Amino acid sequence: MKKINFKALVSFALVIVLFSSCASIKKMKKNADLIKWNVTPEVLETHAGQVKVAVDGQIPAKYFAKKATVVVTPVMKFEGGEVAYPEIKLQGEKVKSNNAVITYKPGGNFSIKGAIPYEQAMKMSELQVRIVASKGAASLDFDPIKIADGVIATSELVNKVGEPIIGIQREKNTTGKYDPAIDPFQRIVPDEFMADIHYLINKADVRKEEAASKDFSDFKAYAADAVKNDRKELKNLEISAYASPDGEQELNDKLSQKREGSASELLKKELKQQEVEANIKTKYTAEDWDGFRKLLEASSVKDKELILRVLSMYSDPEVREKEIKNLSEAFTAVAEQILPQLRRAKFSANIDLIGKTDAELLEFADNSPEKLNQAELLEAARLTDDNAKKVKFYTSFTRQFPEDWRGFNNLGMAQVWTGDLDAAANNFSKADKLSQGNPIIQNNLGVAALYKGETSKAIEYFSAASGAGKEVDYNMGIVSITRAEYDKAVKYFGSSNKPNAALAKILAGDNNGALKTLEACDKNCPMAAYLKAVVGARTAKENLLLESLEAACKLDPKMKQAAKTDLEFAKYFENPKFKSLVD
């Protein structure tokens, strides 16, 4: 009897099984073109830094082997790499597993949804489907199937450099007088000087000691300097003469009038000696009840509240005087402490202090910044369009006034414009330590965070900066674009005529609105011209596209390469005029 080689039989059987398995999945591979694919969106786009896609597959009848398992993986392939989307496992009706089942006779459908982080190289890419089929121990890789081209990356055109806010006023000035350490620069600053001379009771002649008083001497010097100094302009000189509110009204009227005359003669005589010509305005007040009230309020007179009540209850001067005299002890104090101060003539000089010219400010800031005060140095930095100069001037400010937050804040702002964002962030932090919680600084910290991609932190800063200025809304518009919240972005940008505002409208589907915004943009802005070309492509206005793209490329030659790979213009890639513009 002939021996049977069981090992050979087993091997042969395995070969038969494998061949049978391979045959069915080979057939699936061969007929892979029968699978229908639908990609949503039809042209891939990036939003919020992600490329989302939904791939729907339709398996025809009698295609899917009953014992086959298939892994389907969408893959974004681009120069230098590839990124896979989530896979899906499908199985035939006789496979004992928990994957989606595709029956043999009717076929079936499946769907894959996913998102991958956007990379710039994905602009020129293709979406492939990779399929691996297996049956038993056999496995087979299908040829990659291309189902979509490239990625539209218009949302990535957002300029993430936000708008910082300049620090002008350090804090609210409650002094009532201009202070260059606090207030913004004023070319012309109003100033005044006042002095009093006092009279004896019922007298109108000027005593020698009053005419020679330091108060009046300082006034004369002030007025004379205002006339002779090129940096000062005398606006007016005024004399107001008064009588104290005691005694008869008629007598006080004549007395205050005489004091007006003697004070006027004194001032005219003194100005003439100094060769100063000036118009003098004069007036007199018979009984100075307003002055009385102010002095009383500031005094320590006993029962002053009772006297103040009398003033509020009665308007008739005689009634007032009678009621106050009835408060005998209080009136004695009033007669000694208050009334003598009201028998006076008040001299006032009002002038304008003329500040440095723009040229002078720039010269000093450049060569002798130590000769400028805070307001002047800040103004010099504002005057120049040279960002390098701004950095220099604000740096000088931080050295001269290291406790003033405006220097570090504004230096950071200038560094944002020069592209030195790390240095800017550092200086904003220094400003924040000097003025914690300041809305202006919070906005600027948000600008730095936004540029670094720290969106959540940026939102916190911008929320804390509410009310600091329109810049905050603009910056939140940028945030909204990066989060694919385009309608919100449009609202935040409002009437802004910057490219970001137009981009938000394009992404929100308002091409006409975007075009209006772009028409109002800076004509020398290459991005504005480029976005007009995008609008032209989206609205099938070829002339608008080509003319705008030509302008963009002239303003910035780098726009050529951008347009060459931008799928917004895919329909025009073979257009002769388009090709001539981007080549």
Protein backbone atom coordinates (compact mmCIF):
# COMPACT_ATOMS: atom_id res chain seq x y z
CA MET A 1 0.00 0.00 0.00
CA LYS A 2 1.30 3.37 -1.01
CA LYS A 3 2.10 5.77 1.86
CA ILE A 4 0.11 9.01 1.95
CA ASN A 5 2.13 12.12 2.73
CA PHE A 6 -0.17 13.93 5.16
CA LYS A 7 2.18 16.91 5.50
CA ALA A 8 1.99 17.44 1.75
CA LEU A 9 -1.78 17.16 1.85
CA VAL A 10 -2.02 19.74 4.63
CA SER A 11 0.29 22.09 2.78
CA PHE A 12 -1.69 21.62 -0.38
CA ALA A 13 -4.93 22.30 1.46
CA LEU A 14 -3.48 25.45 2.94
CA VAL A 15 -2.41 26.56 -0.50
CA ILE A 16 -5.94 25.90 -1.80
CA VAL A 17 -7.44 27.89 1.10
CA LEU A 18 -4.99 30.73 0.72
CA PHE A 19 -5.53 30.77 -3.02
CA SER A 20 -9.27 30.83 -2.48
CA SER A 21 -8.93 33.64 0.07
CA CYS A 22 -6.59 35.60 -2.13
CA ALA A 23 -8.82 35.10 -5.12
CA SER A 24 -11.79 36.80 -3.48
CA ILE A 25 -9.88 39.80 -2.11
CA LYS A 26 -7.87 40.04 -5.36
CA LYS A 27 -11.19 40.36 -7.14
CA MET A 28 -12.18 43.11 -4.71
CA LYS A 29 -8.92 44.92 -5.42
CA LYS A 30 -9.37 44.53 -9.17
CA ASN A 31 -12.86 45.98 -9.01
CA ALA A 32 -12.10 48.70 -6.47
CA ASP A 33 -13.10 51.33 -9.04
CA LEU A 34 -16.70 50.15 -8.58
CA ILE A 35 -16.77 51.74 -5.14
CA LYS A 36 -18.34 55.18 -5.29
CA TRP A 37 -16.90 57.94 -3.15
CA ASN A 38 -18.40 61.21 -2.00
CA VAL A 39 -16.35 63.83 -0.14
CA THR A 40 -17.89 66.60 1.95
CA PRO A 41 -16.93 69.35 1.50
CA GLU A 42 -16.23 68.74 -2.15
CA VAL A 43 -13.16 70.96 -1.90
CA LEU A 44 -11.45 70.60 1.45
CA GLU A 45 -10.96 73.71 3.56
CA THR A 46 -9.18 74.50 6.77
CA HIS A 47 -11.11 76.19 9.58
CA ALA A 48 -9.88 76.79 13.12
CA GLY A 49 -6.61 75.13 12.14
CA GLN A 50 -8.34 71.86 11.27
CA VAL A 51 -9.18 70.12 8.01
CA LYS A 52 -12.46 68.34 8.54
CA VAL A 53 -13.83 65.83 6.11
CA ALA A 54 -16.68 63.38 5.72
CA VAL A 55 -16.03 60.49 3.31
CA ASP A 56 -19.03 58.44 2.23
CA GLY A 57 -18.45 55.16 0.41
CA GLN A 58 -20.99 53.12 -1.52
CA ILE A 59 -20.18 49.41 -2.00
CA PRO A 60 -21.90 47.85 -5.03
CA ALA A 61 -23.87 44.60 -4.94
CA LYS A 62 -21.93 41.32 -5.08
CA TYR A 63 -18.64 43.06 -4.43
CA PHE A 64 -17.79 42.56 -0.77
CA ALA A 65 -16.63 39.03 -0.05
CA LYS A 66 -18.66 37.41 2.71
CA LYS A 67 -15.59 36.44 4.74
CA ALA A 68 -13.49 39.53 4.03
CA THR A 69 -12.45 42.28 6.41
CA VAL A 70 -11.52 45.68 4.99
CA VAL A 71 -9.77 48.63 6.67
CA VAL A 72 -10.43 51.96 4.94
CA THR A 73 -8.24 54.93 5.87
CA PRO A 74 -8.48 58.43 4.32
CA VAL A 75 -4.99 59.92 4.10
CA MET A 76 -3.95 63.49 3.30
CA LYS A 77 -0.78 63.19 1.24
CA PHE A 78 1.46 66.17 0.52
CA GLU A 79 5.05 66.94 -0.31
CA GLY A 80 7.15 65.92 2.61
CA GLY A 81 4.59 63.86 4.45
CA GLU A 82 1.12 62.56 5.01
CA VAL A 83 -1.48 62.54 7.79
CA ALA A 84 -4.14 59.88 8.25
CA TYR A 85 -7.73 60.42 9.26
CA PRO A 86 -9.50 57.91 11.52
CA GLU A 87 -9.96 54.51 9.85
CA ILE A 88 -13.04 52.37 9.58
CA LYS A 89 -13.22 48.56 9.60
CA LEU A 90 -15.77 46.82 7.43
CA GLN A 91 -16.57 43.12 7.39
CA GLY A 92 -18.45 40.66 5.26
CA GLU A 93 -21.63 39.06 6.52
CA LYS A 94 -19.89 35.80 7.58
CA VAL A 95 -17.11 37.43 9.60
CA LYS A 96 -17.58 36.99 13.33
CA SER A 97 -16.55 40.38 14.68
CA ASN A 98 -18.08 43.70 15.69
CA ASN A 99 -17.25 45.87 12.68
CA ALA A 100 -19.71 47.49 10.30
CA VAL A 101 -21.19 44.81 8.05
CA ILE A 102 -21.38 45.06 4.29
CA THR A 103 -23.62 42.32 2.90
CA TYR A 104 -22.71 40.58 -0.33
CA LYS A 105 -25.86 40.78 -2.43
CA PRO A 106 -27.16 44.30 -1.82
CA GLY A 107 -23.80 45.89 -0.93
CA GLY A 108 -23.88 48.77 1.51
CA ASN A 109 -22.72 52.20 2.58
CA PHE A 110 -20.28 53.52 5.15
CA SER A 111 -19.11 56.91 6.37
CA ILE A 112 -15.88 58.23 7.85
CA LYS A 113 -15.70 61.58 9.61
CA GLY A 114 -12.62 63.18 11.07
CA ALA A 115 -10.31 66.16 11.36
CA ILE A 116 -6.56 66.62 11.18
CA PRO A 117 -4.38 69.61 12.05
CA TYR A 118 -3.67 71.81 9.07
CA GLU A 119 -0.15 72.13 7.72
CA GLN A 120 0.81 74.70 5.09
CA ALA A 121 2.07 72.00 2.72
CA MET A 122 -1.50 70.66 2.53
CA LYS A 123 -2.44 73.47 0.14
CA MET A 124 -1.01 71.30 -2.64
CA SER A 125 -2.09 67.85 -1.63
CA GLU A 126 -4.50 65.08 -2.38
CA LEU A 127 -6.88 63.07 -0.26
CA GLN A 128 -6.40 59.36 -0.82
CA VAL A 129 -8.21 56.31 0.41
CA ARG A 130 -5.98 53.47 1.54
CA ILE A 131 -7.64 50.03 1.65
CA VAL A 132 -6.31 46.86 3.19
CA ALA A 133 -8.42 43.74 2.68
CA SER A 134 -7.93 40.46 4.52
CA LYS A 135 -9.53 37.01 4.45
CA GLY A 136 -8.25 34.43 6.81
CA ALA A 137 -4.49 34.59 6.85
CA ALA A 138 -4.32 36.42 3.53
CA SER A 139 -3.96 40.20 3.34
CA LEU A 140 -3.83 42.57 0.37
CA ASP A 141 -3.12 46.29 -0.02
CA PHE A 142 -5.20 48.04 -2.64
CA ASP A 143 -3.75 50.75 -4.82
CA PRO A 144 -4.36 54.22 -3.25
CA ILE A 145 -7.50 55.89 -4.56
CA LYS A 146 -7.48 59.67 -4.99
CA ILE A 147 -10.81 61.20 -3.97
CA ALA A 148 -10.04 64.94 -3.54
CA ASP A 149 -7.45 67.61 -4.38
CA GLY A 150 -5.74 69.97 -1.95
CA VAL A 151 -7.02 72.28 0.76
CA ILE A 152 -8.36 75.82 0.53
CA ALA A 153 -6.57 77.69 3.29
CA THR A 154 -8.18 81.14 3.05
CA SER A 155 -8.91 81.22 6.79
CA GLU A 156 -5.15 80.99 7.38
CA LEU A 157 -4.72 84.41 5.76
CA VAL A 158 -5.79 86.03 9.04
CA ASN A 159 -3.19 88.41 10.43
CA LYS A 160 -2.79 87.28 14.04
CA VAL A 161 -0.94 90.40 15.10
CA GLY A 162 -3.55 92.24 17.12
CA GLU A 163 -3.88 95.93 17.86
CA PRO A 164 -2.08 97.13 21.00
CA ILE A 165 -3.26 100.28 22.78
CA ILE A 166 -0.94 103.19 23.46
CA GLY A 167 -0.68 104.55 27.00
CA ILE A 168 -1.37 108.30 26.96
CA GLN A 169 -2.69 109.30 30.39
CA ARG A 170 -1.16 107.61 33.40
CA GLU A 171 -4.18 108.01 35.63
CA LYS A 172 -7.10 110.35 36.18
CA ASN A 173 -5.88 113.81 37.10
CA THR A 174 -7.92 115.21 39.98
CA THR A 175 -5.77 118.28 40.64
CA GLY A 176 -7.60 120.53 38.20
CA LYS A 177 -4.25 121.60 36.76
CA TYR A 178 -2.25 120.23 33.87
CA ASP A 179 0.45 117.78 34.96
CA PRO A 180 2.88 116.46 32.32
CA ALA A 181 3.67 113.49 34.54
CA ILE A 182 0.05 112.37 34.30
CA ASP A 183 -1.69 114.02 31.37
CA PRO A 184 -1.20 113.72 27.60
CA PHE A 185 0.91 116.32 25.85
CA GLN A 186 -0.68 119.74 25.39
CA ARG A 187 0.97 122.20 23.05
CA ILE A 188 -0.73 125.10 24.81
CA VAL A 189 -1.26 124.81 28.54
CA PRO A 190 -3.43 127.39 30.33
CA ASP A 191 -1.89 128.78 33.51
CA GLU A 192 -2.80 131.44 36.01
CA PHE A 193 -1.40 133.35 38.96
CA MET A 194 -3.40 135.13 41.63
CA ALA A 195 -2.54 137.54 44.38
CA ASP A 196 -4.49 139.58 46.93
CA ILE A 197 -3.95 142.90 48.58
CA HIS A 198 -6.00 143.65 51.69
CA TYR A 199 -7.62 146.83 52.97
CA LEU A 200 -8.44 148.11 56.40
CA ILE A 201 -12.10 148.25 57.38
CA ASN A 202 -13.95 151.01 55.50
CA LYS A 203 -10.72 152.04 53.73
CA ALA A 204 -9.88 152.01 50.00
CA ASP A 205 -6.30 153.24 49.90
CA VAL A 206 -3.49 150.75 49.23
CA ARG A 207 -1.10 150.46 52.14
CA LYS A 208 2.65 150.42 51.44
CA GLU A 209 3.15 147.03 53.08
CA GLU A 210 0.48 145.54 50.83
CA ALA A 211 2.01 147.02 47.66
CA ALA A 212 5.39 145.65 48.71
CA SER A 213 4.14 142.21 49.74
CA LYS A 214 5.75 139.10 48.31
CA ASP A 215 2.39 137.96 47.00
CA PHE A 216 1.96 141.08 44.86
CA SER A 217 5.66 141.19 43.84
CA ASP A 218 5.45 137.63 42.55
CA PHE A 219 2.33 138.57 40.61
CA LYS A 220 4.06 141.50 38.92
CA ALA A 221 7.01 139.32 37.96
CA TYR A 222 4.69 136.64 36.58
CA ALA A 223 2.79 139.13 34.43
CA ALA A 224 5.98 140.78 33.14
CA ASP A 225 7.53 137.44 32.23
CA ALA A 226 4.38 136.39 30.40
CA VAL A 227 4.70 139.44 28.14
CA LYS A 228 8.42 139.14 27.47
CA ASN A 229 8.75 135.32 27.20
CA ASP A 230 8.31 133.85 23.71
CA ARG A 231 7.03 130.63 25.28
CA LYS A 232 4.21 132.45 27.05
CA GLU A 233 1.24 134.45 25.90
CA LEU A 234 -0.60 136.77 28.29
CA LYS A 235 -4.34 136.31 27.77
CA ASN A 236 -5.70 138.78 30.29
CA LEU A 237 -5.19 140.60 33.59
CA GLU A 238 -8.15 140.99 35.90
CA ILE A 239 -8.84 142.87 39.11
CA SER A 240 -11.81 142.01 41.30
CA ALA A 241 -12.42 144.29 44.28
CA TYR A 242 -14.61 143.40 47.26
CA ALA A 243 -16.07 144.64 50.48
CA SER A 244 -16.82 142.33 53.35
CA PRO A 245 -20.51 141.47 53.88
CA ASP A 246 -21.06 143.64 56.94
CA GLY A 247 -22.36 147.16 57.23
CA GLU A 248 -24.72 148.96 54.87
CA GLN A 249 -25.14 147.76 51.32
CA GLU A 250 -24.80 151.24 49.81
CA LEU A 251 -21.60 151.95 51.69
CA ASN A 252 -20.09 148.63 50.67
CA ASP A 253 -20.96 149.26 47.05
CA LYS A 254 -19.07 152.58 47.03
CA LEU A 255 -16.21 151.09 49.05
CA SER A 256 -15.65 148.14 46.69
CA GLN A 257 -15.77 150.53 43.71
CA LYS A 258 -13.06 152.71 45.25
CA ARG A 259 -10.93 149.65 46.00
CA GLU A 260 -11.27 148.65 42.34
CA GLY A 261 -9.88 152.04 41.37
CA SER A 262 -6.93 152.04 43.79
CA ALA A 263 -5.95 148.49 42.88
CA SER A 264 -6.13 149.35 39.16
CA GLU A 265 -3.93 152.42 39.60
CA LEU A 266 -1.40 150.36 41.56
CA LEU A 267 -1.12 147.67 38.90
CA LYS A 268 -0.91 150.13 35.99
CA LYS A 269 1.87 152.02 37.75
CA GLU A 270 3.87 148.86 38.44
CA LEU A 271 3.49 147.52 34.88
CA LYS A 272 4.54 150.86 33.40
CA GLN A 273 7.73 150.79 35.45
CA GLN A 274 8.50 147.35 33.98
CA GLU A 275 7.58 148.58 30.48
CA VAL A 276 4.78 146.07 30.22
CA GLU A 277 1.69 146.88 28.18
CA ALA A 278 -1.44 144.93 28.95
CA ASN A 279 -5.18 145.46 29.05
CA ILE A 280 -6.66 145.24 32.50
CA LYS A 281 -10.22 144.15 33.15
CA THR A 282 -11.79 145.29 36.40
CA LYS A 283 -14.93 144.66 38.40
CA TYR A 284 -16.18 145.11 41.93
CA THR A 285 -18.56 143.26 44.23
CA ALA A 286 -20.24 145.12 47.06
CA GLU A 287 -20.53 142.19 49.46
CA ASP A 288 -18.55 139.01 48.88
CA TRP A 289 -20.93 136.37 50.20
CA ASP A 290 -19.43 133.64 48.01
CA GLY A 291 -15.99 134.32 49.44
CA PHE A 292 -17.51 134.42 52.91
CA ARG A 293 -19.04 130.98 52.50
CA LYS A 294 -15.80 129.43 51.22
CA LEU A 295 -13.68 130.87 54.01
CA LEU A 296 -16.24 129.86 56.63
CA GLU A 297 -16.43 126.28 55.36
CA ALA A 298 -12.65 126.01 55.61
CA SER A 299 -12.48 127.62 59.06
CA SER A 300 -12.72 126.33 62.62
CA VAL A 301 -15.27 128.95 63.69
CA LYS A 302 -17.59 127.71 66.41
CA ASP A 303 -21.18 127.24 65.26
CA LYS A 304 -20.18 127.64 61.61
CA GLU A 305 -22.85 125.11 60.65
CA LEU A 306 -25.50 127.43 62.08
CA ILE A 307 -24.11 130.31 60.05
CA LEU A 308 -24.04 128.21 56.88
CA ARG A 309 -27.66 127.28 57.55
CA VAL A 310 -28.52 130.97 57.75
CA LEU A 311 -26.88 131.52 54.36
CA SER A 312 -28.94 128.74 52.82
CA MET A 313 -32.19 129.96 54.40
CA TYR A 314 -31.94 133.66 53.55
CA SER A 315 -30.83 135.47 50.42
CA ASP A 316 -31.40 139.04 51.59
CA PRO A 317 -28.00 140.50 52.69
CA GLU A 318 -29.47 142.55 55.55
CA VAL A 319 -31.40 139.57 56.96
CA ARG A 320 -28.29 137.41 56.72
CA GLU A 321 -26.15 139.96 58.57
CA LYS A 322 -28.79 140.42 61.29
CA GLU A 323 -29.17 136.66 61.87
CA ILE A 324 -25.41 136.10 62.01
CA LYS A 325 -24.95 138.97 64.50
CA ASN A 326 -27.57 137.34 66.70
CA LEU A 327 -25.05 134.51 67.11
CA SER A 328 -22.90 136.87 69.15
CA GLU A 329 -20.05 134.51 70.07
CA ALA A 330 -19.84 133.12 66.54
CA PHE A 331 -20.02 136.57 64.99
CA THR A 332 -17.10 137.76 67.08
CA ALA A 333 -14.97 134.95 65.63
CA VAL A 334 -16.24 135.76 62.12
CA ALA A 335 -15.37 139.43 62.53
CA GLU A 336 -11.86 138.55 63.66
CA GLN A 337 -11.01 135.62 61.35
CA ILE A 338 -13.16 135.88 58.23
CA LEU A 339 -14.18 139.45 57.43
CA PRO A 340 -10.66 140.97 57.24
CA GLN A 341 -9.74 138.49 54.50
CA LEU A 342 -12.69 139.65 52.38
CA ARG A 343 -11.66 143.34 52.33
CA ARG A 344 -9.45 142.90 49.35
CA ALA A 345 -8.63 143.25 45.68
CA LYS A 346 -7.83 140.09 43.82
CA PHE A 347 -5.33 140.20 40.94
CA SER A 348 -5.34 137.39 38.39
CA ALA A 349 -3.20 136.79 35.33
CA ASN A 350 -4.15 134.16 32.77
CA ILE A 351 -1.54 133.02 30.29
CA ASP A 352 -0.91 130.27 27.74
CA LEU A 353 2.28 128.28 28.10
CA ILE A 354 3.52 127.53 24.56
CA GLY A 355 5.08 124.09 24.30
CA LYS A 356 7.84 122.81 22.03
CA THR A 357 7.27 122.42 18.32
CA ASP A 358 7.13 118.98 16.70
CA ALA A 359 10.60 119.47 15.30
CA GLU A 360 11.95 120.46 18.72
CA LEU A 361 10.35 117.46 20.38
CA LEU A 362 11.84 115.06 17.84
CA GLU A 363 15.27 116.67 18.10
CA PHE A 364 15.34 116.48 21.89
CA ALA A 365 13.97 112.93 21.96
CA ASP A 366 16.66 111.81 19.55
CA ASN A 367 19.62 113.56 21.14
CA SER A 368 18.73 114.87 24.59
CA PRO A 369 15.71 112.93 25.92
CA GLU A 370 16.60 113.88 29.50
CA LYS A 371 15.49 117.45 28.70
CA LEU A 372 11.91 116.34 28.03
CA ASN A 373 9.18 115.61 30.56
CA GLN A 374 6.94 112.54 30.36
CA ALA A 375 4.28 114.12 28.19
CA GLU A 376 6.82 115.58 25.77
CA LEU A 377 8.74 112.34 25.33
CA LEU A 378 5.57 110.35 24.75
CA GLU A 379 4.44 112.91 22.19
CA ALA A 380 7.76 112.75 20.36
CA ALA A 381 7.36 108.97 20.01
CA ARG A 382 3.83 109.47 18.71
CA LEU A 383 5.00 111.97 16.10
CA THR A 384 7.39 109.64 14.27
CA ASP A 385 6.32 106.92 11.83
CA ASP A 386 9.68 105.20 12.19
CA ASN A 387 9.08 102.22 14.48
CA ALA A 388 12.79 101.93 15.24
CA LYS A 389 12.69 105.53 16.49
CA LYS A 390 9.62 104.73 18.55
CA VAL A 391 11.51 101.89 20.20
CA LYS A 392 14.42 104.24 20.90
CA PHE A 393 12.24 107.00 22.39
CA TYR A 394 10.17 104.65 24.55
CA THR A 395 13.34 102.95 25.75
CA SER A 396 14.60 106.37 26.86
CA PHE A 397 11.30 106.89 28.66
CA THR A 398 11.65 103.62 30.62
CA ARG A 399 15.13 104.68 31.75
CA GLN A 400 14.11 108.17 32.83
CA PHE A 401 10.76 107.23 34.35
CA PRO A 402 11.03 103.56 35.37
CA GLU A 403 7.97 103.73 37.64
CA ASP A 404 5.65 104.94 34.88
CA TRP A 405 3.84 102.01 33.23
CA ARG A 406 3.31 103.92 30.00
CA GLY A 407 6.95 103.58 28.99
CA PHE A 408 7.01 99.77 29.10
CA ASN A 409 3.52 99.49 27.64
CA ASN A 410 4.29 101.74 24.69
CA LEU A 411 7.70 100.16 24.14
CA GLY A 412 5.95 96.82 23.89
CA MET A 413 3.47 98.31 21.43
CA ALA A 414 6.30 99.56 19.20
CA GLN A 415 7.96 96.14 19.39
CA VAL A 416 4.74 94.52 18.21
CA TRP A 417 4.95 96.69 15.10
CA THR A 418 8.60 95.77 14.54
CA GLY A 419 7.77 92.07 14.91
CA ASP A 420 9.69 91.58 18.15
CA LEU A 421 6.79 89.87 19.91
CA ASP A 422 8.83 88.17 22.64
CA ALA A 423 10.32 91.48 23.75
CA ALA A 424 6.88 93.06 23.52
CA ALA A 425 5.37 90.43 25.80
CA ASN A 426 8.16 91.00 28.33
CA ASN A 427 7.57 94.75 28.43
CA PHE A 428 3.81 94.35 28.71
CA SER A 429 4.44 92.17 31.75
CA LYS A 430 6.65 94.90 33.28
CA ALA A 431 3.90 97.45 32.66
CA ASP A 432 1.37 95.13 34.30
CA LYS A 433 3.46 94.97 37.48
CA LEU A 434 3.43 98.77 37.68
CA SER A 435 -0.29 99.12 37.01
CA GLN A 436 -2.05 95.85 37.78
CA GLY A 437 -5.42 95.28 36.17
CA ASN A 438 -5.02 98.23 33.81
CA PRO A 439 -7.38 97.48 30.86
CA ILE A 440 -4.94 98.92 28.32
CA ILE A 441 -2.16 96.62 29.49
CA GLN A 442 -4.54 93.64 29.65
CA ASN A 443 -5.41 94.17 25.99
CA ASN A 444 -1.75 94.30 25.07
CA LEU A 445 -0.94 91.15 27.03
CA GLY A 446 -3.74 89.55 25.02
CA VAL A 447 -2.09 90.68 21.78
CA ALA A 448 1.12 88.91 22.80
CA ALA A 449 -0.73 85.75 23.87
CA LEU A 450 -2.73 85.68 20.64
CA TYR A 451 0.38 85.90 18.51
CA LYS A 452 1.91 83.00 20.45
CA GLY A 453 -1.16 80.87 19.73
CA GLU A 454 -2.33 80.98 23.36
CA THR A 455 -5.92 81.69 22.37
CA SER A 456 -7.59 80.84 25.68
CA LYS A 457 -5.19 83.09 27.58
CA ALA A 458 -5.71 85.86 25.01
CA ILE A 459 -9.48 85.68 25.52
CA GLU A 460 -9.00 86.08 29.28
CA TYR A 461 -6.89 89.18 28.77
CA PHE A 462 -9.29 90.71 26.24
CA SER A 463 -12.21 90.08 28.59
CA ALA A 464 -10.34 91.94 31.33
CA ALA A 465 -9.69 94.77 28.86
CA SER A 466 -13.37 95.44 28.18
CA GLY A 467 -13.97 99.14 27.58
CA ALA A 468 -10.32 99.96 26.92
CA GLY A 469 -11.01 100.84 23.30
CA LYS A 470 -12.13 99.62 19.89
CA GLU A 471 -8.85 97.70 19.66
CA VAL A 472 -10.23 95.09 22.06
CA ASP A 473 -13.14 94.31 19.72
CA TYR A 474 -10.76 94.12 16.77
CA ASN A 475 -8.59 91.63 18.62
CA MET A 476 -11.61 89.52 19.56
CA GLY A 477 -12.44 89.53 15.85
CA ILE A 478 -9.08 87.87 15.19
CA VAL A 479 -9.79 85.32 17.91
CA SER A 480 -13.17 84.57 16.33
CA ILE A 481 -11.59 83.90 12.94
CA THR A 482 -9.08 81.49 14.47
CA ARG A 483 -12.01 79.66 16.07
CA ALA A 484 -14.03 79.58 12.84
CA GLU A 485 -16.71 81.83 14.39
CA TYR A 486 -16.97 84.02 11.34
CA ASP A 487 -20.30 85.74 12.05
CA LYS A 488 -18.97 86.75 15.47
CA ALA A 489 -15.81 88.04 13.85
CA VAL A 490 -17.82 90.25 11.49
CA LYS A 491 -19.64 91.79 14.46
CA TYR A 492 -16.44 92.36 16.42
CA PHE A 493 -14.72 94.06 13.49
CA GLY A 494 -17.70 96.34 12.96
CA SER A 495 -16.81 99.16 10.57
CA SER A 496 -13.10 98.33 10.48
CA ASN A 497 -11.61 98.67 7.00
CA LYS A 498 -8.65 96.38 7.55
CA PRO A 499 -8.02 93.15 5.63
CA ASN A 500 -8.97 90.98 8.62
CA ALA A 501 -12.44 92.54 8.65
CA ALA A 502 -12.87 91.76 4.94
CA LEU A 503 -11.55 88.22 5.44
CA ALA A 504 -14.19 87.60 8.12
CA LYS A 505 -16.91 88.63 5.66
CA ILE A 506 -15.48 86.37 2.92
CA LEU A 507 -15.43 83.41 5.30
CA ALA A 508 -18.96 84.24 6.44
CA GLY A 509 -20.14 84.21 2.82
CA ASP A 510 -20.64 87.97 2.41
CA ASN A 511 -18.52 88.62 -0.68
CA ASN A 512 -20.20 91.94 -1.52
CA GLY A 513 -19.66 93.22 2.01
CA ALA A 514 -16.05 92.06 1.88
CA LEU A 515 -15.50 93.95 -1.38
CA LYS A 516 -16.86 97.19 0.13
CA THR A 517 -14.47 96.83 3.07
CA LEU A 518 -11.55 96.10 0.76
CA GLU A 519 -12.32 99.17 -1.34
CA ALA A 520 -11.87 101.24 1.81
CA CYS A 521 -8.57 99.54 2.75
CA ASP A 522 -5.16 101.05 2.28
CA LYS A 523 -4.48 100.98 -1.47
CA ASN A 524 -0.88 99.99 -0.80
CA CYS A 525 -1.82 96.90 1.22
CA PRO A 526 -0.93 93.72 -0.72
CA MET A 527 -3.24 91.52 1.39
CA ALA A 528 -6.20 93.77 0.64
CA ALA A 529 -5.52 93.40 -3.11
CA TYR A 530 -5.07 89.63 -2.72
CA LEU A 531 -8.38 89.25 -0.91
CA LYS A 532 -10.08 91.23 -3.68
CA ALA A 533 -8.74 88.60 -6.06
CA VAL A 534 -10.25 85.89 -3.84
CA VAL A 535 -13.61 87.67 -3.98
CA GLY A 536 -13.25 87.84 -7.77
CA ALA A 537 -12.65 84.08 -7.91
CA ARG A 538 -15.58 83.28 -5.61
CA THR A 539 -17.96 85.49 -7.56
CA ALA A 540 -16.67 84.43 -11.02
CA LYS A 541 -15.54 87.99 -11.83
CA GLU A 542 -12.44 87.26 -13.85
CA ASN A 543 -11.43 90.88 -14.40
CA LEU A 544 -11.64 91.65 -10.70
CA LEU A 545 -9.57 88.57 -9.92
CA LEU A 546 -6.82 89.25 -12.44
CA GLU A 547 -6.57 93.02 -11.87
CA SER A 548 -6.49 92.61 -8.11
CA LEU A 549 -3.97 89.79 -8.23
CA GLU A 550 -1.74 91.84 -10.50
CA ALA A 551 -1.85 94.70 -7.99
CA ALA A 552 -1.09 92.33 -5.10
CA CYS A 553 1.92 90.81 -6.87
CA LYS A 554 3.33 94.25 -7.70
CA LEU A 555 3.01 95.33 -4.07
CA ASP A 556 4.50 92.07 -2.76
CA PRO A 557 6.15 89.57 -5.15
CA LYS A 558 5.65 86.79 -2.56
CA MET A 559 1.98 86.87 -3.51
CA LYS A 560 2.90 85.12 -6.76
CA GLN A 561 3.86 81.90 -5.03
CA ALA A 562 0.86 82.13 -2.72
CA ALA A 563 -1.55 82.46 -5.62
CA LYS A 564 0.15 79.71 -7.62
CA THR A 565 -0.83 77.12 -5.00
CA ASP A 566 -4.09 78.67 -3.78
CA LEU A 567 -7.05 76.48 -4.72
CA GLU A 568 -9.28 79.57 -4.57
CA PHE A 569 -7.87 80.13 -8.06
CA ALA A 570 -7.90 76.49 -9.22
CA LYS A 571 -10.23 77.22 -12.13
CA TYR A 572 -7.76 79.79 -13.44
CA PHE A 573 -4.51 77.82 -13.09
CA GLU A 574 -4.40 77.35 -16.86
CA ASN A 575 -5.57 80.85 -17.70
CA PRO A 576 -2.76 82.50 -19.71
CA LYS A 577 -3.08 85.85 -17.91
CA PHE A 578 -3.13 84.16 -14.50
CA LYS A 579 -0.06 82.10 -15.39
CA SER A 580 1.81 85.19 -16.54
CA LEU A 581 1.06 86.92 -13.24
CA VAL A 582 2.28 84.12 -10.97
CA ASP A 583 5.25 82.86 -13.00
